[in-house]
Amino acid sequence: MTSDLHAGLWHANQLGPGDPLPDDLSLPHRSLVEQHLDTVKGEQDRTVVIRRLTVVRARPKGSGNREYYVFKNVYGGLTVRPAMSDEGRRNTAAVLAAAAALVVLVLLLVK
């Protein structure tokens, strides 16, 4: 995984009026960027630079509900950001909902 990241660099695209967005931009990112590229009344010209980099999501065996995002930082070193996986968030939400339902049930039975 780290060898792939060492091969990847920051990508910068300079876009002028009417230039298309990069082809490898994902649909959610494309939609978000397009919102901010609308022209403003009275605007003469605009140039934007989109900087992006490769991010790897890893879920090592035995990591449970944890996943890790690895990317190159601005200094060229690797940065690792731990996060809870989607499955972990769903499990946590289910446990919290069950606990809330139990508290409500106990409160109703006590009255």
Protein backbone atom coordinates (compact mmCIF):
# COMPACT_ATOMS: atom_id res chain seq x y z
CA MET A 1 0.00 0.00 0.00
CA THR A 2 2.72 2.48 0.89
CA SER A 3 4.57 1.80 -2.36
CA ASP A 4 1.45 2.87 -4.26
CA LEU A 5 1.31 6.08 -2.25
CA HIS A 6 4.98 6.86 -2.84
CA ALA A 7 4.27 6.63 -6.57
CA GLY A 8 1.30 9.00 -6.28
CA LEU A 9 1.76 12.72 -6.13
CA TRP A 10 -0.46 15.70 -5.60
CA HIS A 11 -2.38 16.36 -8.81
CA ALA A 12 -3.14 19.96 -9.72
CA ASN A 13 -5.53 20.96 -12.47
CA GLN A 14 -5.80 24.59 -13.51
CA LEU A 15 -9.23 25.28 -14.99
CA GLY A 16 -10.38 28.30 -16.88
CA PRO A 17 -13.88 29.24 -18.03
CA GLY A 18 -15.48 26.30 -19.87
CA ASP A 19 -12.70 23.82 -19.04
CA PRO A 20 -14.02 20.38 -18.10
CA LEU A 21 -13.38 18.87 -14.69
CA PRO A 22 -10.80 16.06 -14.50
CA ASP A 23 -12.16 12.71 -15.72
CA ASP A 24 -11.07 10.79 -12.63
CA LEU A 25 -13.03 12.99 -10.22
CA SER A 26 -15.71 10.93 -8.46
CA LEU A 27 -19.36 11.86 -8.96
CA PRO A 28 -19.90 13.21 -5.39
CA HIS A 29 -16.76 15.34 -5.65
CA ARG A 30 -17.67 16.44 -9.16
CA SER A 31 -21.10 17.63 -7.96
CA LEU A 32 -19.60 19.50 -5.03
CA VAL A 33 -16.97 21.26 -7.14
CA GLU A 34 -19.47 22.16 -9.89
CA GLN A 35 -21.63 24.02 -7.32
CA HIS A 36 -18.76 26.38 -6.59
CA LEU A 37 -17.80 26.95 -10.22
CA ASP A 38 -21.01 28.73 -11.22
CA THR A 39 -20.31 32.16 -12.67
CA VAL A 40 -21.10 35.23 -10.63
CA LYS A 41 -22.88 38.23 -12.13
CA GLY A 42 -20.34 40.76 -13.39
CA GLU A 43 -17.47 38.28 -13.29
CA GLN A 44 -14.90 38.92 -16.04
CA ASP A 45 -12.71 35.84 -15.82
CA ARG A 46 -11.86 33.08 -13.41
CA THR A 47 -9.15 30.50 -13.03
CA VAL A 48 -9.32 27.81 -10.37
CA VAL A 49 -6.76 25.25 -9.33
CA ILE A 50 -7.99 21.91 -8.02
CA ARG A 51 -5.39 20.07 -5.94
CA ARG A 52 -6.06 16.45 -5.06
CA LEU A 53 -4.19 13.38 -3.93
CA THR A 54 -4.63 9.65 -3.66
CA VAL A 55 -6.13 8.39 -0.41
CA VAL A 56 -6.07 4.71 0.51
CA ARG A 57 -8.66 3.21 2.86
CA ALA A 58 -7.43 0.13 4.70
CA ARG A 59 -9.19 -2.30 7.03
CA PRO A 60 -6.53 -4.66 8.37
CA LYS A 61 -7.67 -8.05 9.66
CA GLY A 62 -8.40 -7.90 13.35
CA SER A 63 -9.05 -4.16 13.30
CA GLY A 64 -12.70 -4.65 14.24
CA ASN A 65 -14.76 -1.61 13.35
CA ARG A 66 -11.71 0.54 12.64
CA GLU A 67 -10.45 1.62 9.24
CA TYR A 68 -7.49 3.76 8.35
CA TYR A 69 -7.01 6.43 5.70
CA VAL A 70 -3.45 6.81 4.46
CA PHE A 71 -2.28 9.70 2.29
CA LYS A 72 0.78 11.78 1.53
CA ASN A 73 0.89 15.03 3.45
CA VAL A 74 2.21 18.31 2.11
CA TYR A 75 5.71 17.44 3.36
CA GLY A 76 5.81 14.18 1.39
CA GLY A 77 5.48 11.90 4.42
CA LEU A 78 2.60 9.51 5.02
CA THR A 79 -0.28 10.49 7.30
CA VAL A 80 -2.60 7.87 8.81
CA ARG A 81 -6.06 8.86 10.05
CA PRO A 82 -8.02 6.22 11.98
CA ALA A 83 -11.81 6.25 11.73
CA MET A 84 -14.78 4.08 12.61
CA SER A 85 -16.06 2.04 9.66
CA ASP A 86 -19.59 2.37 8.26
CA GLU A 87 -20.41 -0.98 9.85
CA GLY A 88 -19.10 0.27 13.19
CA ARG A 89 -21.23 3.41 12.98
CA ARG A 90 -24.33 1.32 12.19
CA ASN A 91 -23.60 -1.01 15.12
CA THR A 92 -23.10 1.93 17.47
CA ALA A 93 -26.33 3.57 16.30
CA ALA A 94 -28.21 0.28 16.83
CA VAL A 95 -26.83 -0.08 20.37
CA LEU A 96 -27.71 3.54 21.22
CA ALA A 97 -31.23 3.11 19.81
CA ALA A 98 -31.72 -0.09 21.82
CA ALA A 99 -30.47 1.63 24.99
CA ALA A 100 -32.82 4.58 24.42
CA ALA A 101 -35.75 2.20 23.86
CA LEU A 102 -34.87 0.34 27.07
CA VAL A 103 -34.73 3.60 29.07
CA VAL A 104 -38.14 4.66 27.70
CA LEU A 105 -39.60 1.24 28.50
CA VAL A 106 -38.27 1.35 32.08
CA LEU A 107 -39.63 4.89 32.54
CA LEU A 108 -43.05 3.80 31.27
CA LEU A 109 -43.14 0.74 33.54
CA VAL A 110 -42.06 2.71 36.64
CA LYS A 111 -44.93 5.17 36.37
